[in-house]
Amino acid sequence: MVLWRISTQTKKYKADDISGKGAQLVGGRWNQVGTPMLYCAQHISIACLETMAHLNAELLWMDRYLVRVEVPDGLARHFTFPQNADPPLRWHANPYEEKSSRFGTDWINEGKSLGIILPSSFIQEENIVCLNPFHPRYLDVKATVVRKWQYDERIVRIE
C-alpha cells in the first residue's frame, strides 16, 4: 500500500521522519497531544488539502517535500477499516471536537492495528490513513522523499 504525506524539512526533523512526533507535539483531529501518530493520505491531492488546512500562508512556503510512505503488501490485514471503526458523531466538525482526538488516541493505545482508514474531513469519499508507531509491524513501514513540494499559487492566496 502506498500512502502520501507532505512534510517539512527542518534542523530538527527530516521530511521522511515517520516517528509521529509532530502529531505528538501538537495533537490533531485523531490524536491528543502526547500521543504519536503518523497522518497519511491515500492520494497526493488529499495530502495537499490536509496540509493547506493546518498552515497559514507563510508557513506553506517552508521547505516542504512530497513523501511516499510504503506499507508492505500483506500488512493491510493489520488495519482497521471504516466499516470496523465507529468514529464519533461530528468527527468532521471544524474545529474538531475533543471526542475525535480521544477516539484516535484510544485506538493507538489499544495497539491492535497498524493503521486506521478514516474519511477525509474535506472530501468524505476520500480517505486518510493514520498509522500507529507503537504497533510491532510499524518497523516495516518505510518513507522516501520523492521531490520538493510547491503549492500552486492559484490556490494559495497571500494577502
N, C-alpha and C. Protein backbone atom coordinates (compact mmCIF):
# COMPACT_ATOMS: atom_id res chain seq x y z
N MET A 1 0.85 -1.17 0.00
CA MET A 1 0.00 0.00 0.00
C MET A 1 0.90 1.23 0.00
N VAL A 2 0.61 2.15 -0.89
CA VAL A 2 1.37 3.40 -0.96
C VAL A 2 0.50 4.52 -0.40
N LEU A 3 1.07 5.26 0.54
CA LEU A 3 0.41 6.41 1.15
C LEU A 3 1.27 7.64 0.90
N TRP A 4 0.70 8.82 1.17
CA TRP A 4 1.40 10.06 0.85
C TRP A 4 1.33 11.05 2.00
N ARG A 5 2.41 11.83 2.10
CA ARG A 5 2.49 12.93 3.06
C ARG A 5 3.15 14.12 2.39
N ILE A 6 2.86 15.29 2.87
CA ILE A 6 3.64 16.48 2.51
C ILE A 6 4.25 16.94 3.82
N SER A 7 5.56 16.85 3.90
CA SER A 7 6.26 17.07 5.17
C SER A 7 7.25 18.22 5.06
N THR A 8 7.60 18.73 6.21
CA THR A 8 8.57 19.82 6.30
C THR A 8 9.94 19.27 6.67
N GLN A 9 10.96 19.87 6.10
CA GLN A 9 12.34 19.55 6.45
C GLN A 9 12.86 20.71 7.30
N THR A 10 13.33 20.41 8.51
CA THR A 10 13.90 21.42 9.39
C THR A 10 15.20 20.87 9.98
N LYS A 11 15.84 21.66 10.82
CA LYS A 11 17.04 21.17 11.50
C LYS A 11 16.69 20.03 12.46
N LYS A 12 15.49 20.07 13.01
CA LYS A 12 15.06 19.04 13.97
C LYS A 12 14.49 17.80 13.31
N TYR A 13 13.80 17.98 12.18
CA TYR A 13 13.10 16.86 11.55
C TYR A 13 13.45 16.75 10.08
N LYS A 14 13.64 15.52 9.65
CA LYS A 14 13.79 15.25 8.22
C LYS A 14 12.39 15.03 7.65
N ALA A 15 12.23 15.32 6.38
CA ALA A 15 10.92 15.20 5.75
C ALA A 15 10.40 13.76 5.80
N ASP A 16 11.31 12.79 5.78
CA ASP A 16 10.88 11.39 5.79
C ASP A 16 10.80 10.78 7.19
N ASP A 17 10.78 11.63 8.22
CA ASP A 17 10.63 11.18 9.60
C ASP A 17 9.21 10.62 9.77
N ILE A 18 9.11 9.40 10.21
CA ILE A 18 7.79 8.79 10.41
C ILE A 18 7.56 8.41 11.87
N SER A 19 8.22 9.13 12.77
CA SER A 19 8.09 8.83 14.20
C SER A 19 6.73 9.21 14.77
N GLY A 20 6.03 10.13 14.12
CA GLY A 20 4.76 10.61 14.65
C GLY A 20 4.93 11.70 15.69
N LYS A 21 6.16 12.20 15.87
CA LYS A 21 6.43 13.20 16.90
C LYS A 21 5.75 14.54 16.64
N GLY A 22 5.60 14.90 15.36
CA GLY A 22 4.91 16.16 15.07
C GLY A 22 3.49 16.15 15.60
N ALA A 23 2.77 15.09 15.32
CA ALA A 23 1.39 14.96 15.83
C ALA A 23 1.39 14.84 17.35
N GLN A 24 2.41 14.21 17.89
CA GLN A 24 2.51 14.07 19.34
C GLN A 24 2.63 15.44 20.01
N LEU A 25 3.37 16.34 19.39
CA LEU A 25 3.60 17.67 19.97
C LEU A 25 2.37 18.57 19.92
N VAL A 26 1.62 18.50 18.83
CA VAL A 26 0.52 19.46 18.66
C VAL A 26 -0.87 18.83 18.72
N GLY A 27 -0.97 17.52 18.64
CA GLY A 27 -2.27 16.87 18.60
C GLY A 27 -2.95 17.14 17.27
N GLY A 28 -4.08 16.52 17.06
CA GLY A 28 -4.79 16.69 15.81
C GLY A 28 -6.21 16.16 15.92
N ARG A 29 -6.88 16.11 14.80
CA ARG A 29 -8.26 15.63 14.77
C ARG A 29 -8.36 14.23 15.37
N TRP A 30 -7.36 13.38 15.13
CA TRP A 30 -7.44 11.98 15.54
C TRP A 30 -6.47 11.59 16.64
N ASN A 31 -5.75 12.54 17.22
CA ASN A 31 -4.87 12.20 18.36
C ASN A 31 -4.77 13.37 19.31
N GLN A 32 -4.63 13.04 20.58
CA GLN A 32 -4.45 14.06 21.61
C GLN A 32 -2.97 14.40 21.72
N VAL A 33 -2.67 15.59 22.22
CA VAL A 33 -1.29 15.98 22.49
C VAL A 33 -0.66 14.90 23.38
N GLY A 34 0.55 14.50 23.04
CA GLY A 34 1.25 13.47 23.80
C GLY A 34 1.17 12.09 23.17
N THR A 35 0.31 11.92 22.18
CA THR A 35 0.15 10.63 21.51
C THR A 35 0.72 10.72 20.10
N PRO A 36 1.79 9.97 19.81
CA PRO A 36 2.34 9.99 18.45
C PRO A 36 1.42 9.27 17.47
N MET A 37 1.36 9.79 16.26
CA MET A 37 0.54 9.20 15.20
C MET A 37 1.08 9.73 13.89
N LEU A 38 1.08 8.91 12.86
CA LEU A 38 1.52 9.36 11.54
C LEU A 38 0.30 9.52 10.65
N TYR A 39 0.03 10.75 10.27
CA TYR A 39 -1.09 11.05 9.37
C TYR A 39 -0.62 10.92 7.93
N CYS A 40 -1.34 10.15 7.14
CA CYS A 40 -1.03 9.96 5.72
C CYS A 40 -2.33 10.09 4.93
N ALA A 41 -2.20 10.14 3.62
CA ALA A 41 -3.37 10.19 2.75
C ALA A 41 -3.23 9.12 1.68
N GLN A 42 -4.35 8.63 1.19
CA GLN A 42 -4.30 7.64 0.11
C GLN A 42 -4.00 8.29 -1.23
N HIS A 43 -4.19 9.61 -1.32
CA HIS A 43 -3.94 10.32 -2.57
C HIS A 43 -3.15 11.59 -2.29
N ILE A 44 -2.29 11.98 -3.21
CA ILE A 44 -1.48 13.18 -3.06
C ILE A 44 -2.37 14.41 -2.90
N SER A 45 -3.46 14.47 -3.64
CA SER A 45 -4.35 15.64 -3.57
C SER A 45 -4.92 15.83 -2.16
N ILE A 46 -5.26 14.75 -1.49
CA ILE A 46 -5.78 14.85 -0.12
C ILE A 46 -4.66 15.27 0.82
N ALA A 47 -3.45 14.76 0.62
CA ALA A 47 -2.31 15.20 1.44
C ALA A 47 -2.12 16.70 1.30
N CYS A 48 -2.27 17.22 0.08
CA CYS A 48 -2.15 18.65 -0.17
C CYS A 48 -3.22 19.43 0.59
N LEU A 49 -4.47 19.02 0.46
CA LEU A 49 -5.56 19.70 1.16
C LEU A 49 -5.38 19.67 2.67
N GLU A 50 -4.99 18.52 3.18
CA GLU A 50 -4.83 18.38 4.63
C GLU A 50 -3.76 19.32 5.16
N THR A 51 -2.63 19.45 4.46
CA THR A 51 -1.58 20.34 4.95
C THR A 51 -1.98 21.80 4.80
N MET A 52 -2.66 22.13 3.70
CA MET A 52 -3.07 23.52 3.50
C MET A 52 -4.04 23.99 4.58
N ALA A 53 -4.84 23.10 5.08
CA ALA A 53 -5.84 23.47 6.08
C ALA A 53 -5.24 23.80 7.43
N HIS A 54 -4.06 23.28 7.70
CA HIS A 54 -3.48 23.43 9.03
C HIS A 54 -2.37 24.47 9.10
N LEU A 55 -2.08 25.11 8.00
CA LEU A 55 -0.97 26.05 7.98
C LEU A 55 -1.41 27.39 7.42
N ASN A 56 -0.83 28.46 7.96
CA ASN A 56 -1.12 29.76 7.37
C ASN A 56 -0.27 29.93 6.12
N ALA A 57 -0.58 30.94 5.33
CA ALA A 57 0.07 31.12 4.02
C ALA A 57 1.59 31.23 4.12
N GLU A 58 2.10 31.86 5.15
CA GLU A 58 3.55 31.99 5.29
C GLU A 58 4.22 30.64 5.53
N LEU A 59 3.61 29.81 6.34
CA LEU A 59 4.21 28.51 6.66
C LEU A 59 4.15 27.53 5.49
N LEU A 60 3.22 27.73 4.57
CA LEU A 60 3.12 26.82 3.42
C LEU A 60 4.39 26.85 2.56
N TRP A 61 5.12 27.94 2.63
CA TRP A 61 6.30 28.09 1.76
C TRP A 61 7.57 27.56 2.40
N MET A 62 7.49 26.98 3.58
CA MET A 62 8.68 26.37 4.19
C MET A 62 9.15 25.21 3.33
N ASP A 63 10.29 24.64 3.67
CA ASP A 63 10.83 23.51 2.91
C ASP A 63 9.91 22.30 3.03
N ARG A 64 9.06 22.14 2.05
CA ARG A 64 8.10 21.05 2.03
C ARG A 64 8.49 20.02 0.98
N TYR A 65 8.19 18.76 1.30
CA TYR A 65 8.55 17.66 0.40
C TYR A 65 7.40 16.67 0.31
N LEU A 66 7.24 16.11 -0.88
CA LEU A 66 6.30 15.02 -1.09
C LEU A 66 6.99 13.74 -0.64
N VAL A 67 6.34 13.02 0.26
CA VAL A 67 6.93 11.80 0.84
C VAL A 67 6.02 10.62 0.54
N ARG A 68 6.62 9.58 0.00
CA ARG A 68 5.93 8.31 -0.27
C ARG A 68 6.13 7.41 0.94
N VAL A 69 5.03 6.94 1.51
CA VAL A 69 5.08 6.04 2.66
C VAL A 69 4.62 4.68 2.17
N GLU A 70 5.48 3.69 2.33
CA GLU A 70 5.15 2.34 1.84
C GLU A 70 4.87 1.40 3.01
N VAL A 71 3.70 0.82 2.94
CA VAL A 71 3.30 -0.22 3.88
C VAL A 71 3.35 -1.52 3.08
N PRO A 72 4.23 -2.45 3.45
CA PRO A 72 4.38 -3.67 2.65
C PRO A 72 3.06 -4.41 2.41
N ASP A 73 2.97 -5.00 1.22
CA ASP A 73 1.80 -5.81 0.88
C ASP A 73 1.58 -6.85 1.97
N GLY A 74 0.35 -7.08 2.28
CA GLY A 74 0.02 -8.07 3.31
C GLY A 74 -0.23 -7.44 4.67
N LEU A 75 0.29 -6.22 4.88
CA LEU A 75 0.09 -5.60 6.19
C LEU A 75 -1.27 -4.92 6.32
N ALA A 76 -2.00 -4.83 5.22
CA ALA A 76 -3.35 -4.25 5.30
C ALA A 76 -4.24 -5.05 6.25
N ARG A 77 -3.90 -6.31 6.44
CA ARG A 77 -4.70 -7.10 7.39
C ARG A 77 -4.51 -6.61 8.82
N HIS A 78 -3.49 -5.77 9.02
CA HIS A 78 -3.25 -5.16 10.33
C HIS A 78 -3.90 -3.78 10.43
N PHE A 79 -4.85 -3.49 9.54
CA PHE A 79 -5.53 -2.19 9.52
C PHE A 79 -6.95 -2.33 10.04
N THR A 80 -7.46 -1.25 10.58
CA THR A 80 -8.86 -1.14 10.94
C THR A 80 -9.52 -0.34 9.83
N PHE A 81 -10.57 -0.87 9.26
CA PHE A 81 -11.24 -0.23 8.14
C PHE A 81 -12.48 0.51 8.61
N PRO A 82 -12.97 1.48 7.80
CA PRO A 82 -14.09 2.31 8.24
C PRO A 82 -15.30 1.52 8.73
N GLN A 83 -15.63 0.43 8.06
CA GLN A 83 -16.80 -0.33 8.49
C GLN A 83 -16.56 -1.01 9.85
N ASN A 84 -15.30 -1.16 10.24
CA ASN A 84 -14.99 -1.77 11.53
C ASN A 84 -14.74 -0.72 12.62
N ALA A 85 -14.52 0.52 12.20
CA ALA A 85 -14.32 1.61 13.15
C ALA A 85 -15.66 2.30 13.37
N ASP A 86 -15.77 2.98 14.43
CA ASP A 86 -17.01 3.70 14.71
C ASP A 86 -16.65 5.11 15.15
N PRO A 87 -16.24 5.98 14.18
CA PRO A 87 -15.85 7.34 14.56
C PRO A 87 -16.99 8.06 15.26
N PRO A 88 -16.65 8.97 16.16
CA PRO A 88 -17.69 9.70 16.89
C PRO A 88 -18.52 10.59 15.97
N LEU A 89 -19.74 10.86 16.38
CA LEU A 89 -20.57 11.81 15.63
C LEU A 89 -19.85 13.15 15.58
N ARG A 90 -20.05 13.88 14.51
CA ARG A 90 -19.44 15.19 14.30
C ARG A 90 -17.92 15.13 14.27
N TRP A 91 -17.35 14.00 13.87
CA TRP A 91 -15.89 13.86 13.77
C TRP A 91 -15.31 14.86 12.78
N HIS A 92 -16.12 15.31 11.83
CA HIS A 92 -15.65 16.21 10.78
C HIS A 92 -15.85 17.69 11.12
N ALA A 93 -16.30 17.99 12.34
CA ALA A 93 -16.56 19.37 12.75
C ALA A 93 -15.29 20.22 12.64
N ASN A 94 -15.49 21.51 12.40
CA ASN A 94 -14.36 22.43 12.34
C ASN A 94 -14.67 23.60 13.27
N PRO A 95 -13.89 23.79 14.33
CA PRO A 95 -12.72 22.97 14.67
C PRO A 95 -13.17 21.60 15.17
N TYR A 96 -12.23 20.66 15.11
CA TYR A 96 -12.57 19.30 15.50
C TYR A 96 -12.88 19.25 16.99
N GLU A 97 -13.67 18.27 17.35
CA GLU A 97 -14.07 18.11 18.74
C GLU A 97 -13.13 17.16 19.47
N GLU A 98 -13.05 17.33 20.76
CA GLU A 98 -12.14 16.53 21.58
C GLU A 98 -12.45 15.04 21.49
N LYS A 99 -13.72 14.69 21.27
CA LYS A 99 -14.05 13.27 21.22
C LYS A 99 -13.43 12.56 20.02
N SER A 100 -13.16 13.28 18.92
CA SER A 100 -12.50 12.62 17.79
C SER A 100 -11.02 12.37 18.10
N SER A 101 -10.37 13.32 18.77
CA SER A 101 -8.96 13.09 19.14
C SER A 101 -8.85 12.00 20.21
N ARG A 102 -9.84 11.92 21.07
CA ARG A 102 -9.86 10.85 22.08
C ARG A 102 -10.08 9.49 21.42
N PHE A 103 -10.95 9.45 20.39
CA PHE A 103 -11.20 8.22 19.63
C PHE A 103 -9.89 7.68 19.05
N GLY A 104 -9.12 8.54 18.39
CA GLY A 104 -7.85 8.12 17.79
C GLY A 104 -6.82 7.73 18.83
N THR A 105 -6.77 8.47 19.92
CA THR A 105 -5.83 8.15 21.00
C THR A 105 -6.17 6.79 21.61
N ASP A 106 -7.45 6.53 21.82
CA ASP A 106 -7.86 5.22 22.33
C ASP A 106 -7.47 4.11 21.36
N TRP A 107 -7.63 4.37 20.05
CA TRP A 107 -7.25 3.38 19.04
C TRP A 107 -5.75 3.10 19.12
N ILE A 108 -4.93 4.13 19.22
CA ILE A 108 -3.47 3.95 19.35
C ILE A 108 -3.17 3.11 20.58
N ASN A 109 -3.76 3.48 21.71
CA ASN A 109 -3.46 2.81 22.98
C ASN A 109 -3.90 1.35 22.99
N GLU A 110 -4.95 1.01 22.24
CA GLU A 110 -5.35 -0.40 22.14
C GLU A 110 -4.27 -1.23 21.47
N GLY A 111 -3.58 -0.63 20.51
CA GLY A 111 -2.46 -1.29 19.85
C GLY A 111 -2.81 -2.49 18.99
N LYS A 112 -4.06 -2.65 18.63
CA LYS A 112 -4.47 -3.84 17.88
C LYS A 112 -4.15 -3.76 16.40
N SER A 113 -4.09 -2.55 15.84
CA SER A 113 -3.87 -2.46 14.40
C SER A 113 -2.79 -1.45 14.05
N LEU A 114 -2.15 -1.69 12.93
CA LEU A 114 -1.07 -0.84 12.42
C LEU A 114 -1.61 0.49 11.91
N GLY A 115 -2.77 0.46 11.28
CA GLY A 115 -3.34 1.67 10.70
C GLY A 115 -4.84 1.68 10.81
N ILE A 116 -5.38 2.87 10.70
CA ILE A 116 -6.83 3.01 10.67
C ILE A 116 -7.16 3.90 9.47
N ILE A 117 -8.10 3.45 8.66
CA ILE A 117 -8.51 4.19 7.47
C ILE A 117 -9.77 4.97 7.84
N LEU A 118 -9.68 6.29 7.64
CA LEU A 118 -10.76 7.19 8.04
C LEU A 118 -11.09 8.14 6.90
N PRO A 119 -12.31 8.65 6.84
CA PRO A 119 -12.64 9.61 5.78
C PRO A 119 -11.94 10.95 6.00
N SER A 120 -11.56 11.59 4.91
CA SER A 120 -11.00 12.94 4.99
C SER A 120 -12.10 13.89 5.42
N SER A 121 -11.76 14.87 6.23
CA SER A 121 -12.77 15.84 6.64
C SER A 121 -13.11 16.80 5.51
N PHE A 122 -12.30 16.82 4.45
CA PHE A 122 -12.55 17.69 3.30
C PHE A 122 -13.45 17.01 2.27
N ILE A 123 -13.09 15.78 1.93
CA ILE A 123 -13.84 15.02 0.93
C ILE A 123 -14.10 13.66 1.56
N GLN A 124 -15.28 13.47 2.08
CA GLN A 124 -15.56 12.28 2.88
C GLN A 124 -15.53 10.99 2.08
N GLU A 125 -15.54 11.09 0.75
CA GLU A 125 -15.42 9.89 -0.08
C GLU A 125 -13.96 9.49 -0.28
N GLU A 126 -13.04 10.33 0.16
CA GLU A 126 -11.60 10.04 0.10
C GLU A 126 -11.12 9.71 1.50
N ASN A 127 -9.98 9.04 1.60
CA ASN A 127 -9.52 8.59 2.91
C ASN A 127 -8.17 9.14 3.30
N ILE A 128 -8.02 9.26 4.62
CA ILE A 128 -6.70 9.42 5.20
C ILE A 128 -6.40 8.11 5.91
N VAL A 129 -5.15 7.89 6.21
CA VAL A 129 -4.74 6.70 6.95
C VAL A 129 -3.84 7.17 8.09
N CYS A 130 -4.20 6.82 9.29
CA CYS A 130 -3.38 7.13 10.45
C CYS A 130 -2.64 5.86 10.84
N LEU A 131 -1.33 5.99 11.04
CA LEU A 131 -0.51 4.83 11.39
C LEU A 131 -0.09 4.91 12.85
N ASN A 132 0.02 3.73 13.46
CA ASN A 132 0.35 3.60 14.87
C ASN A 132 1.82 3.26 15.06
N PRO A 133 2.65 4.23 15.49
CA PRO A 133 4.08 3.97 15.67
C PRO A 133 4.40 2.92 16.73
N PHE A 134 3.43 2.58 17.59
CA PHE A 134 3.66 1.58 18.63
C PHE A 134 3.41 0.15 18.16
N HIS A 135 2.78 -0.02 17.00
CA HIS A 135 2.46 -1.36 16.53
C HIS A 135 3.75 -2.09 16.14
N PRO A 136 3.88 -3.39 16.48
CA PRO A 136 5.12 -4.13 16.17
C PRO A 136 5.49 -4.15 14.69
N ARG A 137 4.53 -4.08 13.78
CA ARG A 137 4.83 -4.11 12.35
C ARG A 137 5.18 -2.73 11.79
N TYR A 138 5.14 -1.71 12.64
CA TYR A 138 5.46 -0.35 12.18
C TYR A 138 6.90 -0.26 11.66
N LEU A 139 7.76 -1.10 12.15
CA LEU A 139 9.16 -1.11 11.69
C LEU A 139 9.26 -1.47 10.21
N ASP A 140 8.22 -2.08 9.66
CA ASP A 140 8.21 -2.44 8.23
C ASP A 140 7.77 -1.28 7.33
N VAL A 141 7.28 -0.21 7.92
CA VAL A 141 6.84 0.95 7.16
C VAL A 141 8.06 1.78 6.78
N LYS A 142 8.14 2.18 5.52
CA LYS A 142 9.29 2.96 5.02
C LYS A 142 8.80 4.24 4.36
N ALA A 143 9.58 5.29 4.49
CA ALA A 143 9.24 6.57 3.87
C ALA A 143 10.40 7.04 3.00
N THR A 144 10.06 7.61 1.86
CA THR A 144 11.06 8.11 0.91
C THR A 144 10.62 9.47 0.40
N VAL A 145 11.55 10.42 0.42
CA VAL A 145 11.26 11.73 -0.16
C VAL A 145 11.23 11.57 -1.68
N VAL A 146 10.15 12.03 -2.30
CA VAL A 146 10.00 11.93 -3.75
C VAL A 146 10.54 13.18 -4.43
N ARG A 147 10.14 14.35 -3.92
CA ARG A 147 10.59 15.61 -4.53
C ARG A 147 10.21 16.78 -3.63
N LYS A 148 10.78 17.92 -3.92
CA LYS A 148 10.40 19.16 -3.25
C LYS A 148 8.96 19.47 -3.64
N TRP A 149 8.19 19.97 -2.70
CA TRP A 149 6.78 20.27 -2.95
C TRP A 149 6.57 21.77 -3.00
N GLN A 150 5.84 22.22 -4.00
CA GLN A 150 5.44 23.62 -4.13
C GLN A 150 3.93 23.67 -4.24
N TYR A 151 3.31 24.47 -3.41
CA TYR A 151 1.87 24.69 -3.54
C TYR A 151 1.64 25.64 -4.70
N ASP A 152 0.61 25.41 -5.45
CA ASP A 152 0.27 26.24 -6.60
C ASP A 152 -0.25 27.59 -6.10
N GLU A 153 0.34 28.66 -6.58
CA GLU A 153 -0.04 29.99 -6.13
C GLU A 153 -1.49 30.35 -6.46
N ARG A 154 -2.10 29.65 -7.41
CA ARG A 154 -3.50 29.93 -7.74
C ARG A 154 -4.44 29.53 -6.61
N ILE A 155 -4.02 28.59 -5.78
CA ILE A 155 -4.90 28.16 -4.69
C ILE A 155 -4.42 28.65 -3.33
N VAL A 156 -3.26 29.26 -3.29
CA VAL A 156 -2.72 29.81 -2.05
C VAL A 156 -2.60 31.32 -2.24
N ARG A 157 -3.51 32.04 -1.67
CA ARG A 157 -3.51 33.50 -1.81
C ARG A 157 -2.83 34.12 -0.59
N ILE A 158 -1.79 34.88 -0.83
CA ILE A 158 -1.14 35.61 0.25
C ILE A 158 -1.54 37.08 0.11
N GLU A 159 -2.19 37.60 1.14
CA GLU A 159 -2.63 38.99 1.08
C GLU A 159 -2.05 39.78 2.21
